[in-house]
Amino acid sequence: MTLQEAINTFLDATAGEIADSTHAWYASMLASMAAYLGENRPVDSLSPADMRAWRSWVRKQPTQRGGPPSVASLNGHTKAARRLFSWLMNEVLANSN
């Protein structure tokens, strides 16, 4: 499964289960991960080092006002990634039983 397929599957599965604004927030946060790491990258090839590099890249991206992202924004990106991968692990475990 590619990273973009995983993101799309997660977003499809959570649609209607979470607020529309939360759904849009996840989509926005995860889009930067796919852009940096590669949409066609296999999920099982991602490493902790890749995730640290992505977070470092996010930290260097200017915001709309031109400054660096806030700590809350960085934490939001991390939270969205953790939620995606936790969801994926639960899906894998559920499908293996």
PDB file of N, CA and C in Angstrom:
ATOM      1  N   MET A   1       0.848  -1.170   0.000  1.00  0.00           N
ATOM      2  CA  MET A   1       0.000   0.000   0.000  1.00  0.00           C
ATOM      3  C   MET A   1       0.896   1.236   0.000  1.00  0.00           C
ATOM      4  N   THR A   2       0.580   2.195  -0.868  1.00  0.00           N
ATOM      5  CA  THR A   2       1.354   3.430  -0.909  1.00  0.00           C
ATOM      6  C   THR A   2       0.883   4.373   0.192  1.00  0.00           C
ATOM      7  N   LEU A   3       1.695   5.370   0.452  1.00  0.00           N
ATOM      8  CA  LEU A   3       1.335   6.348   1.475  1.00  0.00           C
ATOM      9  C   LEU A   3       0.034   7.051   1.110  1.00  0.00           C
ATOM     10  N   GLN A   4      -0.115   7.445  -0.147  1.00  0.00           N
ATOM     11  CA  GLN A   4      -1.348   8.136  -0.541  1.00  0.00           C
ATOM     12  C   GLN A   4      -2.558   7.215  -0.441  1.00  0.00           C
ATOM     13  N   GLU A   5      -2.401   5.952  -0.798  1.00  0.00           N
ATOM     14  CA  GLU A   5      -3.508   4.999  -0.634  1.00  0.00           C
ATOM     15  C   GLU A   5      -3.884   4.853   0.838  1.00  0.00           C
ATOM     16  N   ALA A   6      -2.886   4.811   1.698  1.00  0.00           N
ATOM     17  CA  ALA A   6      -3.155   4.698   3.135  1.00  0.00           C
ATOM     18  C   ALA A   6      -3.899   5.929   3.640  1.00  0.00           C
ATOM     19  N   ILE A   7      -3.456   7.096   3.218  1.00  0.00           N
ATOM     20  CA  ILE A   7      -4.121   8.334   3.635  1.00  0.00           C
ATOM     21  C   ILE A   7      -5.555   8.357   3.129  1.00  0.00           C
ATOM     22  N   ASN A   8      -5.747   8.032   1.857  1.00  0.00           N
ATOM     23  CA  ASN A   8      -7.098   8.030   1.287  1.00  0.00           C
ATOM     24  C   ASN A   8      -8.003   7.031   1.991  1.00  0.00           C
ATOM     25  N   THR A   9      -7.482   5.846   2.285  1.00  0.00           N
ATOM     26  CA  THR A   9      -8.272   4.821   2.970  1.00  0.00           C
ATOM     27  C   THR A   9      -8.646   5.287   4.369  1.00  0.00           C
ATOM     28  N   PHE A  10      -7.693   5.878   5.075  1.00  0.00           N
ATOM     29  CA  PHE A  10      -7.950   6.428   6.408  1.00  0.00           C
ATOM     30  C   PHE A  10      -9.022   7.512   6.347  1.00  0.00           C
ATOM     31  N   LEU A  11      -8.881   8.434   5.405  1.00  0.00           N
ATOM     32  CA  LEU A  11      -9.853   9.522   5.293  1.00  0.00           C
ATOM     33  C   LEU A  11     -11.233   8.993   4.915  1.00  0.00           C
ATOM     34  N   ASP A  12     -11.286   8.022   4.017  1.00  0.00           N
ATOM     35  CA  ASP A  12     -12.577   7.416   3.648  1.00  0.00           C
ATOM     36  C   ASP A  12     -13.211   6.717   4.842  1.00  0.00           C
ATOM     37  N   ALA A  13     -12.407   5.996   5.603  1.00  0.00           N
ATOM     38  CA  ALA A  13     -12.928   5.225   6.733  1.00  0.00           C
ATOM     39  C   ALA A  13     -13.405   6.116   7.869  1.00  0.00           C
ATOM     40  N   THR A  14     -12.785   7.271   8.033  1.00  0.00           N
ATOM     41  CA  THR A  14     -13.150   8.148   9.144  1.00  0.00           C
ATOM     42  C   THR A  14     -14.194   9.188   8.769  1.00  0.00           C
ATOM     43  N   ALA A  15     -14.506   9.308   7.482  1.00  0.00           N
ATOM     44  CA  ALA A  15     -15.537  10.264   7.057  1.00  0.00           C
ATOM     45  C   ALA A  15     -16.859   9.901   7.723  1.00  0.00           C
ATOM     46  N   GLY A  16     -17.504  10.886   8.292  1.00  0.00           N
ATOM     47  CA  GLY A  16     -18.770  10.647   8.968  1.00  0.00           C
ATOM     48  C   GLY A  16     -18.614  10.222  10.412  1.00  0.00           C
ATOM     49  N   GLU A  17     -17.422   9.773  10.792  1.00  0.00           N
ATOM     50  CA  GLU A  17     -17.164   9.373  12.180  1.00  0.00           C
ATOM     51  C   GLU A  17     -16.580  10.516  12.992  1.00  0.00           C
ATOM     52  N   ILE A  18     -16.012  11.483  12.303  1.00  0.00           N
ATOM     53  CA  ILE A  18     -15.433  12.653  12.962  1.00  0.00           C
ATOM     54  C   ILE A  18     -16.028  13.898  12.315  1.00  0.00           C
ATOM     55  N   ALA A  19     -15.905  15.017  12.980  1.00  0.00           N
ATOM     56  CA  ALA A  19     -16.438  16.273  12.449  1.00  0.00           C
ATOM     57  C   ALA A  19     -15.795  16.592  11.100  1.00  0.00           C
ATOM     58  N   ASP A  20     -16.559  17.227  10.234  1.00  0.00           N
ATOM     59  CA  ASP A  20     -16.033  17.596   8.923  1.00  0.00           C
ATOM     60  C   ASP A  20     -14.773  18.452   9.045  1.00  0.00           C
ATOM     61  N   SER A  21     -14.763  19.348  10.021  1.00  0.00           N
ATOM     62  CA  SER A  21     -13.584  20.207  10.195  1.00  0.00           C
ATOM     63  C   SER A  21     -12.363  19.390  10.622  1.00  0.00           C
ATOM     64  N   THR A  22     -12.572  18.384  11.448  1.00  0.00           N
ATOM     65  CA  THR A  22     -11.476  17.508  11.868  1.00  0.00           C
ATOM     66  C   THR A  22     -10.988  16.679  10.688  1.00  0.00           C
ATOM     67  N   HIS A  23     -11.918  16.203   9.890  1.00  0.00           N
ATOM     68  CA  HIS A  23     -11.577  15.427   8.690  1.00  0.00           C
ATOM     69  C   HIS A  23     -10.723  16.269   7.743  1.00  0.00           C
ATOM     70  N   ALA A  24     -11.128  17.519   7.529  1.00  0.00           N
ATOM     71  CA  ALA A  24     -10.370  18.419   6.656  1.00  0.00           C
ATOM     72  C   ALA A  24      -8.988  18.713   7.242  1.00  0.00           C
ATOM     73  N   TRP A  25      -8.927  18.825   8.567  1.00  0.00           N
ATOM     74  CA  TRP A  25      -7.651  19.073   9.239  1.00  0.00           C
ATOM     75  C   TRP A  25      -6.699  17.900   9.019  1.00  0.00           C
ATOM     76  N   TYR A  26      -7.198  16.658   9.202  1.00  0.00           N
ATOM     77  CA  TYR A  26      -6.363  15.481   8.948  1.00  0.00           C
ATOM     78  C   TYR A  26      -5.874  15.482   7.504  1.00  0.00           C
ATOM     79  N   ALA A  27      -6.768  15.771   6.570  1.00  0.00           N
ATOM     80  CA  ALA A  27      -6.383  15.781   5.154  1.00  0.00           C
ATOM     81  C   ALA A  27      -5.264  16.783   4.901  1.00  0.00           C
ATOM     82  N   SER A  28      -5.374  17.947   5.494  1.00  0.00           N
ATOM     83  CA  SER A  28      -4.360  18.986   5.316  1.00  0.00           C
ATOM     84  C   SER A  28      -3.027  18.582   5.935  1.00  0.00           C
ATOM     85  N   MET A  29      -3.057  18.092   7.151  1.00  0.00           N
ATOM     86  CA  MET A  29      -1.822  17.702   7.840  1.00  0.00           C
ATOM     87  C   MET A  29      -1.122  16.556   7.109  1.00  0.00           C
ATOM     88  N   LEU A  30      -1.899  15.580   6.657  1.00  0.00           N
ATOM     89  CA  LEU A  30      -1.312  14.401   6.020  1.00  0.00           C
ATOM     90  C   LEU A  30      -0.852  14.677   4.594  1.00  0.00           C
ATOM     91  N   ALA A  31      -1.417  15.701   3.956  1.00  0.00           N
ATOM     92  CA  ALA A  31      -0.997  16.050   2.597  1.00  0.00           C
ATOM     93  C   ALA A  31       0.474  16.448   2.566  1.00  0.00           C
ATOM     94  N   SER A  32       0.923  17.150   3.600  1.00  0.00           N
ATOM     95  CA  SER A  32       2.336  17.551   3.613  1.00  0.00           C
ATOM     96  C   SER A  32       3.248  16.339   3.762  1.00  0.00           C
ATOM     97  N   MET A  33       2.787  15.341   4.502  1.00  0.00           N
ATOM     98  CA  MET A  33       3.584  14.128   4.663  1.00  0.00           C
ATOM     99  C   MET A  33       3.717  13.407   3.321  1.00  0.00           C
ATOM    100  N   ALA A  34       2.618  13.294   2.585  1.00  0.00           N
ATOM    101  CA  ALA A  34       2.659  12.637   1.276  1.00  0.00           C
ATOM    102  C   ALA A  34       3.515  13.431   0.296  1.00  0.00           C
ATOM    103  N   ALA A  35       3.419  14.755   0.370  1.00  0.00           N
ATOM    104  CA  ALA A  35       4.211  15.596  -0.535  1.00  0.00           C
ATOM    105  C   ALA A  35       5.707  15.424  -0.273  1.00  0.00           C
ATOM    106  N   TYR A  36       6.082  15.381   0.993  1.00  0.00           N
ATOM    107  CA  TYR A  36       7.502  15.279   1.334  1.00  0.00           C
ATOM    108  C   TYR A  36       8.042  13.864   1.137  1.00  0.00           C
ATOM    109  N   LEU A  37       7.333  12.872   1.644  1.00  0.00           N
ATOM    110  CA  LEU A  37       7.837  11.490   1.617  1.00  0.00           C
ATOM    111  C   LEU A  37       7.569  10.779   0.294  1.00  0.00           C
ATOM    112  N   GLY A  38       6.603  11.272  -0.463  1.00  0.00           N
ATOM    113  CA  GLY A  38       6.267  10.680  -1.752  1.00  0.00           C
ATOM    114  C   GLY A  38       4.959   9.923  -1.697  1.00  0.00           C
ATOM    115  N   GLU A  39       4.015  10.339  -2.512  1.00  0.00           N
ATOM    116  CA  GLU A  39       2.691   9.717  -2.527  1.00  0.00           C
ATOM    117  C   GLU A  39       2.747   8.236  -2.858  1.00  0.00           C
ATOM    118  N   ASN A  40       3.682   7.846  -3.706  1.00  0.00           N
ATOM    119  CA  ASN A  40       3.762   6.452  -4.158  1.00  0.00           C
ATOM    120  C   ASN A  40       4.718   5.601  -3.331  1.00  0.00           C
ATOM    121  N   ARG A  41       5.196   6.159  -2.264  1.00  0.00           N
ATOM    122  CA  ARG A  41       6.120   5.427  -1.385  1.00  0.00           C
ATOM    123  C   ARG A  41       5.362   4.346  -0.624  1.00  0.00           C
ATOM    124  N   PRO A  42       5.862   3.117  -0.613  1.00  0.00           N
ATOM    125  CA  PRO A  42       5.205   2.070   0.174  1.00  0.00           C
ATOM    126  C   PRO A  42       5.242   2.413   1.664  1.00  0.00           C
ATOM    127  N   VAL A  43       4.113   2.265   2.316  1.00  0.00           N
ATOM    128  CA  VAL A  43       4.014   2.587   3.741  1.00  0.00           C
ATOM    129  C   VAL A  43       5.002   1.758   4.547  1.00  0.00           C
ATOM    130  N   ASP A  44       5.164   0.500   4.177  1.00  0.00           N
ATOM    131  CA  ASP A  44       6.050  -0.362   4.972  1.00  0.00           C
ATOM    132  C   ASP A  44       7.533  -0.048   4.775  1.00  0.00           C
ATOM    133  N   SER A  45       7.846   0.920   3.923  1.00  0.00           N
ATOM    134  CA  SER A  45       9.242   1.328   3.753  1.00  0.00           C
ATOM    135  C   SER A  45       9.587   2.551   4.599  1.00  0.00           C
ATOM    136  N   LEU A  46       8.602   3.140   5.259  1.00  0.00           N
ATOM    137  CA  LEU A  46       8.838   4.337   6.066  1.00  0.00           C
ATOM    138  C   LEU A  46       9.519   3.970   7.379  1.00  0.00           C
ATOM    139  N   SER A  47      10.469   4.794   7.765  1.00  0.00           N
ATOM    140  CA  SER A  47      11.218   4.544   9.000  1.00  0.00           C
ATOM    141  C   SER A  47      11.043   5.725   9.956  1.00  0.00           C
ATOM    142  N   PRO A  48      11.411   5.530  11.217  1.00  0.00           N
ATOM    143  CA  PRO A  48      11.398   6.662  12.149  1.00  0.00           C
ATOM    144  C   PRO A  48      12.259   7.832  11.645  1.00  0.00           C
ATOM    145  N   ALA A  49      13.368   7.523  10.996  1.00  0.00           N
ATOM    146  CA  ALA A  49      14.220   8.589  10.451  1.00  0.00           C
ATOM    147  C   ALA A  49      13.482   9.381   9.374  1.00  0.00           C
ATOM    148  N   ASP A  50      12.690   8.701   8.550  1.00  0.00           N
ATOM    149  CA  ASP A  50      11.888   9.394   7.540  1.00  0.00           C
ATOM    150  C   ASP A  50      10.906  10.350   8.200  1.00  0.00           C
ATOM    151  N   MET A  51      10.290   9.892   9.270  1.00  0.00           N
ATOM    152  CA  MET A  51       9.305  10.720   9.957  1.00  0.00           C
ATOM    153  C   MET A  51       9.976  11.923  10.624  1.00  0.00           C
ATOM    154  N   ARG A  52      11.153  11.729  11.183  1.00  0.00           N
ATOM    155  CA  ARG A  52      11.893  12.855  11.768  1.00  0.00           C
ATOM    156  C   ARG A  52      12.292  13.858  10.690  1.00  0.00           C
ATOM    157  N   ALA A  53      12.698  13.362   9.523  1.00  0.00           N
ATOM    158  CA  ALA A  53      13.071  14.248   8.419  1.00  0.00           C
ATOM    159  C   ALA A  53      11.863  15.049   7.948  1.00  0.00           C
ATOM    160  N   TRP A  54      10.697  14.407   7.870  1.00  0.00           N
ATOM    161  CA  TRP A  54       9.472  15.114   7.476  1.00  0.00           C
ATOM    162  C   TRP A  54       9.145  16.205   8.494  1.00  0.00           C
ATOM    163  N   ARG A  55       9.215  15.866   9.775  1.00  0.00           N
ATOM    164  CA  ARG A  55       8.909  16.860  10.815  1.00  0.00           C
ATOM    165  C   ARG A  55       9.890  18.035  10.740  1.00  0.00           C
ATOM    166  N   SER A  56      11.153  17.753  10.476  1.00  0.00           N
ATOM    167  CA  SER A  56      12.145  18.812  10.322  1.00  0.00           C
ATOM    168  C   SER A  56      11.808  19.685   9.117  1.00  0.00           C
ATOM    169  N   TRP A  57      11.382  19.056   8.031  1.00  0.00           N
ATOM    170  CA  TRP A  57      10.989  19.793   6.827  1.00  0.00           C
ATOM    171  C   TRP A  57       9.790  20.689   7.121  1.00  0.00           C
ATOM    172  N   VAL A  58       8.783  20.153   7.816  1.00  0.00           N
ATOM    173  CA  VAL A  58       7.599  20.950   8.172  1.00  0.00           C
ATOM    174  C   VAL A  58       8.032  22.161   8.992  1.00  0.00           C
ATOM    175  N   ARG A  59       8.953  21.955   9.915  1.00  0.00           N
ATOM    176  CA  ARG A  59       9.430  23.033  10.789  1.00  0.00           C
ATOM    177  C   ARG A  59      10.034  24.184   9.987  1.00  0.00           C
ATOM    178  N   LYS A  60      10.584  23.883   8.814  1.00  0.00           N
ATOM    179  CA  LYS A  60      11.257  24.900   8.000  1.00  0.00           C
ATOM    180  C   LYS A  60      10.340  25.564   6.979  1.00  0.00           C
ATOM    181  N   GLN A  61       9.104  25.080   6.845  1.00  0.00           N
ATOM    182  CA  GLN A  61       8.195  25.642   5.855  1.00  0.00           C
ATOM    183  C   GLN A  61       7.586  26.941   6.379  1.00  0.00           C
ATOM    184  N   PRO A  62       7.630  28.010   5.579  1.00  0.00           N
ATOM    185  CA  PRO A  62       7.031  29.264   6.040  1.00  0.00           C
ATOM    186  C   PRO A  62       5.503  29.160   6.065  1.00  0.00           C
ATOM    187  N   THR A  63       4.917  29.836   7.021  1.00  0.00           N
ATOM    188  CA  THR A  63       3.458  29.882   7.108  1.00  0.00           C
ATOM    189  C   THR A  63       2.938  30.963   6.173  1.00  0.00           C
ATOM    190  N   GLN A  64       1.630  31.125   6.120  1.00  0.00           N
ATOM    191  CA  GLN A  64       1.033  32.160   5.271  1.00  0.00           C
ATOM    192  C   GLN A  64       1.495  33.552   5.681  1.00  0.00           C
ATOM    193  N   ARG A  65       1.814  33.732   6.947  1.00  0.00           N
ATOM    194  CA  ARG A  65       2.279  35.042   7.409  1.00  0.00           C
ATOM    195  C   ARG A  65       3.794  35.191   7.277  1.00  0.00           C
ATOM    196  N   GLY A  66       4.455  34.157   6.763  1.00  0.00           N
ATOM    197  CA  GLY A  66       5.878  34.243   6.470  1.00  0.00           C
ATOM    198  C   GLY A  66       6.809  33.721   7.539  1.00  0.00           C
ATOM    199  N   GLY A  67       6.301  33.479   8.729  1.00  0.00           N
ATOM    200  CA  GLY A  67       7.148  32.984   9.809  1.00  0.00           C
ATOM    201  C   GLY A  67       7.164  31.473   9.862  1.00  0.00           C
ATOM    202  N   PRO A  68       7.890  30.941  10.829  1.00  0.00           N
ATOM    203  CA  PRO A  68       7.925  29.482  10.991  1.00  0.00           C
ATOM    204  C   PRO A  68       6.621  28.977  11.602  1.00  0.00           C
ATOM    205  N   PRO A  69       6.316  27.706  11.425  1.00  0.00           N
ATOM    206  CA  PRO A  69       5.109  27.149  12.041  1.00  0.00           C
ATOM    207  C   PRO A  69       5.216  27.177  13.569  1.00  0.00           C
ATOM    208  N   SER A  70       4.078  27.285  14.199  1.00  0.00           N
ATOM    209  CA  SER A  70       4.045  27.279  15.660  1.00  0.00           C
ATOM    210  C   SER A  70       4.300  25.868  16.184  1.00  0.00           C
ATOM    211  N   VAL A  71       4.608  25.796  17.452  1.00  0.00           N
ATOM    212  CA  VAL A  71       4.775  24.498  18.104  1.00  0.00           C
ATOM    213  C   VAL A  71       3.471  23.708  17.997  1.00  0.00           C
ATOM    214  N   ALA A  72       2.346  24.396  18.149  1.00  0.00           N
ATOM    215  CA  ALA A  72       1.046  23.720  18.041  1.00  0.00           C
ATOM    216  C   ALA A  72       0.852  23.126  16.650  1.00  0.00           C
ATOM    217  N   SER A  73       1.279  23.839  15.626  1.00  0.00           N
ATOM    218  CA  SER A  73       1.162  23.321  14.259  1.00  0.00           C
ATOM    219  C   SER A  73       2.050  22.094  14.065  1.00  0.00           C
ATOM    220  N   LEU A  74       3.278  22.167  14.552  1.00  0.00           N
ATOM    221  CA  LEU A  74       4.179  21.009  14.456  1.00  0.00           C
ATOM    222  C   LEU A  74       3.602  19.812  15.196  1.00  0.00           C
ATOM    223  N   ASN A  75       3.072  20.067  16.377  1.00  0.00           N
ATOM    224  CA  ASN A  75       2.458  18.981  17.140  1.00  0.00           C
ATOM    225  C   ASN A  75       1.231  18.428  16.429  1.00  0.00           C
ATOM    226  N   GLY A  76       0.494  19.290  15.733  1.00  0.00           N
ATOM    227  CA  GLY A  76      -0.659  18.837  14.967  1.00  0.00           C
ATOM    228  C   GLY A  76      -0.264  17.888  13.846  1.00  0.00           C
ATOM    229  N   HIS A  77       0.803  18.220  13.144  1.00  0.00           N
ATOM    230  CA  HIS A  77       1.292  17.330  12.090  1.00  0.00           C
ATOM    231  C   HIS A  77       1.660  15.963  12.672  1.00  0.00           C
ATOM    232  N   THR A  78       2.358  15.994  13.798  1.00  0.00           N
ATOM    233  CA  THR A  78       2.765  14.747  14.451  1.00  0.00           C
ATOM    234  C   THR A  78       1.552  13.949  14.910  1.00  0.00           C
ATOM    235  N   LYS A  79       0.579  14.630  15.483  1.00  0.00           N
ATOM    236  CA  LYS A  79      -0.642  13.964  15.949  1.00  0.00           C
ATOM    237  C   LYS A  79      -1.375  13.296  14.785  1.00  0.00           C
ATOM    238  N   ALA A  80      -1.476  13.988  13.659  1.00  0.00           N
ATOM    239  CA  ALA A  80      -2.162  13.422  12.498  1.00  0.00           C
ATOM    240  C   ALA A  80      -1.433  12.178  11.989  1.00  0.00           C
ATOM    241  N   ALA A  81      -0.110  12.237  11.942  1.00  0.00           N
ATOM    242  CA  ALA A  81       0.671  11.077  11.494  1.00  0.00           C
ATOM    243  C   ALA A  81       0.492   9.903  12.448  1.00  0.00           C
ATOM    244  N   ARG A  82       0.549  10.178  13.746  1.00  0.00           N
ATOM    245  CA  ARG A  82       0.348   9.102  14.730  1.00  0.00           C
ATOM    246  C   ARG A  82      -1.032   8.481  14.586  1.00  0.00           C
ATOM    247  N   ARG A  83      -2.029   9.307  14.377  1.00  0.00           N
ATOM    248  CA  ARG A  83      -3.401   8.806  14.231  1.00  0.00           C
ATOM    249  C   ARG A  83      -3.511   7.922  12.993  1.00  0.00           C
ATOM    250  N   LEU A  84      -2.917   8.351  11.884  1.00  0.00           N
ATOM    251  CA  LEU A  84      -2.936   7.557  10.656  1.00  0.00           C
ATOM    252  C   LEU A  84      -2.287   6.199  10.889  1.00  0.00           C
ATOM    253  N   PHE A  85      -1.090   6.184  11.448  1.00  0.00           N
ATOM    254  CA  PHE A  85      -0.374   4.921  11.608  1.00  0.00           C
ATOM    255  C   PHE A  85      -0.999   4.034  12.677  1.00  0.00           C
ATOM    256  N   SER A  86      -1.567   4.619  13.711  1.00  0.00           N
ATOM    257  CA  SER A  86      -2.300   3.815  14.707  1.00  0.00           C
ATOM    258  C   SER A  86      -3.511   3.161  14.061  1.00  0.00           C
ATOM    259  N   TRP A  87      -4.219   3.932  13.253  1.00  0.00           N
ATOM    260  CA  TRP A  87      -5.385   3.402  12.554  1.00  0.00           C
ATOM    261  C   TRP A  87      -4.964   2.264  11.622  1.00  0.00           C
ATOM    262  N   LEU A  88      -3.870   2.469  10.881  1.00  0.00           N
ATOM    263  CA  LEU A  88      -3.388   1.427   9.970  1.00  0.00           C
ATOM    264  C   LEU A  88      -3.026   0.154  10.726  1.00  0.00           C
ATOM    265  N   MET A  89      -2.345   0.293  11.846  1.00  0.00           N
ATOM    266  CA  MET A  89      -1.973  -0.887  12.638  1.00  0.00           C
ATOM    267  C   MET A  89      -3.215  -1.621  13.136  1.00  0.00           C
ATOM    268  N   ASN A  90      -4.208  -0.885  13.591  1.00  0.00           N
ATOM    269  CA  ASN A  90      -5.451  -1.517  14.040  1.00  0.00           C
ATOM    270  C   ASN A  90      -6.142  -2.246  12.896  1.00  0.00           C
ATOM    271  N   GLU A  91      -6.103  -1.670  11.709  1.00  0.00           N
ATOM    272  CA  GLU A  91      -6.702  -2.316  10.542  1.00  0.00           C
ATOM    273  C   GLU A  91      -5.960  -3.605  10.197  1.00  0.00           C
ATOM    274  N   VAL A  92      -4.647  -3.560  10.234  1.00  0.00           N
ATOM    275  CA  VAL A  92      -3.839  -4.747   9.930  1.00  0.00           C
ATOM    276  C   VAL A  92      -4.122  -5.841  10.949  1.00  0.00           C
ATOM    277  N   LEU A  93      -4.155  -5.475  12.231  1.00  0.00           N
ATOM    278  CA  LEU A  93      -4.427  -6.468  13.271  1.00  0.00           C
ATOM    279  C   LEU A  93      -5.836  -7.030  13.147  1.00  0.00           C
ATOM    280  N   ALA A  94      -6.797  -6.180  12.848  1.00  0.00           N
ATOM    281  CA  ALA A  94      -8.180  -6.643  12.706  1.00  0.00           C
ATOM    282  C   ALA A  94      -8.319  -7.578  11.510  1.00  0.00           C
ATOM    283  N   ASN A  95      -7.613  -7.279  10.435  1.00  0.00           N
ATOM    284  CA  ASN A  95      -7.712  -8.109   9.233  1.00  0.00           C
ATOM    285  C   ASN A  95      -6.927  -9.406   9.344  1.00  0.00           C
ATOM    286  N   SER A  96      -5.995  -9.475  10.295  1.00  0.00           N
ATOM    287  CA  SER A  96      -5.218 -10.706  10.441  1.00  0.00           C
ATOM    288  C   SER A  96      -5.915 -11.720  11.342  1.00  0.00           C
ATOM    289  N   ASN A  97      -6.941 -11.293  12.052  1.00  0.00           N
ATOM    290  CA  ASN A  97      -7.680 -12.206  12.951  1.00  0.00           C
ATOM    291  C   ASN A  97      -8.847 -12.850  12.257  1.00  0.00           C
TER     292      ASN A  97
END
